[in-house]
C-alpha cells in the first residue's frame, strides 16, 4: 500500500470513491435526500480543486482503493477531514494504514494530536476507538437545507 498526494487529475477518482462509499456507510443513518444534498455539496469539482492539497490517495498495486484529507490546523493539532475506502477493501488494514501514515506525517510536522469528526452512528466510531482515539466532545453542525451533522469530535494523542 502507498499513500500518495492527490493531484487535480485525481478529482474524478475521489468523486467515484465517495459515491461508492457513501451509501454503504451512511445508508442507515441519512435519508437518500440528505445524501443527494451532501455529496454534491462536499464533493463538487470546484471545492475539491480548492482543497486538493489536503488529499491523498491510497493505492494497492497501482489501483486507488481510498482517500483521505488531512491538514495542520494549529501548532499542535491536525484534522483528518476525510477517510473513505471502497467498500470491498474495508476491514483489510487499509484504514489502519492511513491512520499510521497520517500519524507519522503529523509527528514530522511537530503535531501532538489528530482530531476528526465522525457521525455518532457511524461504525467507524469503533474503528477509531480501537486505533486509540478518544471521544473528545459532541458537536451538532448545521449544514443547511434543514440538515445537521450529529458528530463526535474524536482525538488521537501522538
Protein backbone atom coordinates (compact mmCIF):
# COMPACT_ATOMS: atom_id res chain seq x y z
CA UNK A 1 0.00 0.00 0.00
CA UNK A 2 1.12 3.52 -0.72
CA UNK A 3 -0.46 6.81 0.28
CA UNK A 4 0.40 9.46 -2.30
CA UNK A 5 -0.52 13.13 -2.61
CA UNK A 6 -3.54 13.67 -4.82
CA UNK A 7 -3.43 15.82 -7.94
CA UNK A 8 -6.15 17.63 -9.86
CA UNK A 9 -6.30 14.62 -12.18
CA UNK A 10 -7.47 12.54 -9.18
CA UNK A 11 -10.67 14.56 -8.65
CA UNK A 12 -12.90 12.17 -10.67
CA UNK A 13 -11.38 9.26 -8.74
CA UNK A 14 -12.11 10.92 -5.37
CA UNK A 15 -15.68 11.58 -6.51
CA UNK A 16 -16.07 7.97 -7.69
CA UNK A 17 -14.86 6.52 -4.38
CA UNK A 18 -17.07 8.94 -2.42
CA UNK A 19 -20.11 7.89 -4.45
CA UNK A 20 -19.21 4.20 -3.96
CA UNK A 21 -18.58 4.53 -0.20
CA UNK A 22 -21.33 6.88 0.97
CA UNK A 23 -24.46 4.76 0.80
CA UNK A 24 -22.94 1.67 2.45
CA UNK A 25 -21.52 3.95 5.16
CA UNK A 26 -24.47 6.26 5.75
CA UNK A 27 -27.49 4.43 4.29
CA UNK A 28 -28.77 3.50 7.76
CA UNK A 29 -28.03 6.98 9.16
CA UNK A 30 -29.02 9.51 6.47
CA UNK A 31 -32.01 9.71 4.19
CA UNK A 32 -31.38 9.41 0.47
CA UNK A 33 -32.44 13.07 0.18
CA UNK A 34 -29.74 14.12 2.63
CA UNK A 35 -27.15 12.02 0.78
CA UNK A 36 -28.19 13.62 -2.52
CA UNK A 37 -27.73 17.03 -0.85
CA UNK A 38 -24.40 16.30 0.86
CA UNK A 39 -22.41 14.50 -1.85
CA UNK A 40 -22.57 17.37 -4.38
CA UNK A 41 -22.04 19.90 -1.57
CA UNK A 42 -18.90 18.16 -0.28
CA UNK A 43 -17.52 16.66 -3.49
CA UNK A 44 -18.13 19.16 -6.26
CA UNK A 45 -15.17 19.64 -8.57
CA UNK A 46 -14.63 23.29 -7.63
CA UNK A 47 -14.45 22.55 -3.89
CA UNK A 48 -12.13 19.55 -4.27
CA UNK A 49 -9.91 21.60 -6.62
CA UNK A 50 -9.52 24.24 -3.92
CA UNK A 51 -8.74 21.56 -1.30
CA UNK A 52 -6.71 19.12 -3.42
CA UNK A 53 -3.53 19.91 -1.46
CA UNK A 54 -5.17 18.23 1.58
CA UNK A 55 -6.00 14.98 -0.23
CA UNK A 56 -4.02 11.77 -0.52
CA UNK A 57 -4.89 8.65 -2.49
CA UNK A 58 -4.39 5.14 -1.11
CA UNK A 59 -3.25 2.69 -3.76
CA UNK A 60 -2.61 -1.04 -3.87
CA UNK A 61 -0.82 -2.33 -6.96
CA UNK A 62 -1.50 0.98 -8.72
CA UNK A 63 -5.25 0.82 -8.05
CA UNK A 64 -6.90 3.52 -5.95
CA UNK A 65 -8.82 1.98 -3.07
CA UNK A 66 -9.39 5.02 -0.86
CA UNK A 67 -8.52 8.59 0.01
CA UNK A 68 -8.08 10.89 2.94
CA UNK A 69 -7.81 14.63 3.53
CA UNK A 70 -5.63 15.97 6.33
CA UNK A 71 -4.42 19.41 7.34
CA UNK A 72 -2.45 21.09 10.09
CA UNK A 73 -4.90 23.34 11.93
CA UNK A 74 -2.66 24.76 14.67
CA UNK A 75 0.86 24.43 16.05
CA UNK A 76 -0.19 21.26 17.88
CA UNK A 77 -3.21 19.85 16.03
CA UNK A 78 -4.12 18.37 12.67
CA UNK A 79 -7.56 17.48 11.37
CA UNK A 80 -8.39 14.36 9.44
CA UNK A 81 -11.26 15.76 7.36
CA UNK A 82 -11.99 12.63 5.35
CA UNK A 83 -11.07 8.94 5.26
CA UNK A 84 -13.04 6.80 2.82
CA UNK A 85 -12.38 3.38 1.35
CA UNK A 86 -14.04 1.35 -1.36
CA UNK A 87 -16.46 -0.98 0.49
CA UNK A 88 -14.70 -4.05 -0.97
CA UNK A 89 -11.46 -3.25 0.91
CA UNK A 90 -12.87 -2.42 4.34
CA UNK A 91 -11.54 -4.45 7.28
CA UNK A 92 -8.38 -5.42 5.37
CA UNK A 93 -5.94 -2.99 7.00
CA UNK A 94 -6.32 -0.04 4.63
CA UNK A 95 -7.85 2.30 7.20
CA UNK A 96 -5.21 1.35 9.77
CA UNK A 97 -2.52 2.03 7.17
CA UNK A 98 -3.91 5.52 6.50
CA UNK A 99 -4.09 6.32 10.24
CA UNK A 100 -0.47 5.16 10.69
CA UNK A 101 0.72 7.25 7.73
CA UNK A 102 -1.19 10.37 8.81
CA UNK A 103 0.10 9.95 12.39
CA UNK A 104 3.66 9.71 11.07
CA UNK A 105 3.21 12.84 8.92
CA UNK A 106 1.68 14.70 11.87
CA UNK A 107 4.62 13.82 14.14
CA UNK A 108 7.04 15.04 11.47
CA UNK A 109 5.12 18.35 11.47
CA UNK A 110 5.60 18.57 15.24
CA UNK A 111 1.91 17.99 15.98
CA UNK A 112 0.78 16.36 19.21
CA UNK A 113 -2.75 15.32 18.22
CA UNK A 114 -5.05 14.50 15.34
CA UNK A 115 -8.78 15.12 15.56
CA UNK A 116 -11.73 14.31 13.34
CA UNK A 117 -15.50 14.49 13.20
CA UNK A 118 -17.46 11.26 12.82
CA UNK A 119 -21.21 10.71 12.83
CA UNK A 120 -22.24 9.25 16.19
CA UNK A 121 -23.97 6.33 14.45
CA UNK A 122 -21.14 5.53 12.02
CA UNK A 123 -19.49 2.15 12.61
CA UNK A 124 -16.16 3.98 12.14
CA UNK A 125 -16.51 5.24 15.74
CA UNK A 126 -15.48 1.75 16.93
CA UNK A 127 -12.61 1.67 14.43
CA UNK A 128 -11.25 4.99 15.70
CA UNK A 129 -11.59 3.88 19.33
CA UNK A 130 -9.54 0.76 18.51
CA UNK A 131 -6.89 3.00 16.93
CA UNK A 132 -6.53 4.96 20.18
CA UNK A 133 -8.82 7.92 19.52
CA UNK A 134 -10.98 9.18 22.35
CA UNK A 135 -14.37 10.89 22.19
CA UNK A 136 -13.30 14.45 22.91
CA UNK A 137 -16.72 16.09 22.64
CA UNK A 138 -20.02 16.09 20.76
CA UNK A 139 -20.92 18.55 18.02
CA UNK A 140 -24.08 19.30 16.07
CA UNK A 141 -23.29 21.18 12.87
CA UNK A 142 -25.98 22.81 10.72
CA UNK A 143 -25.09 22.03 7.09
CA UNK A 144 -28.06 23.79 5.52
CA UNK A 145 -31.29 22.71 3.86
CA UNK A 146 -32.65 21.65 7.26
CA UNK A 147 -29.89 19.04 7.78
CA UNK A 148 -27.41 18.69 10.63
CA UNK A 149 -24.39 16.51 11.27
CA UNK A 150 -24.57 14.91 14.74
CA UNK A 151 -20.94 14.03 15.39
CA UNK A 152 -18.34 13.05 17.89
CA UNK A 153 -15.11 15.00 17.71
CA UNK A 154 -12.52 12.31 18.32
CA UNK A 155 -8.86 12.90 19.14
CA UNK A 156 -5.71 10.83 18.93
CA UNK A 157 -2.78 11.95 21.07
CA UNK A 158 0.52 11.35 19.28
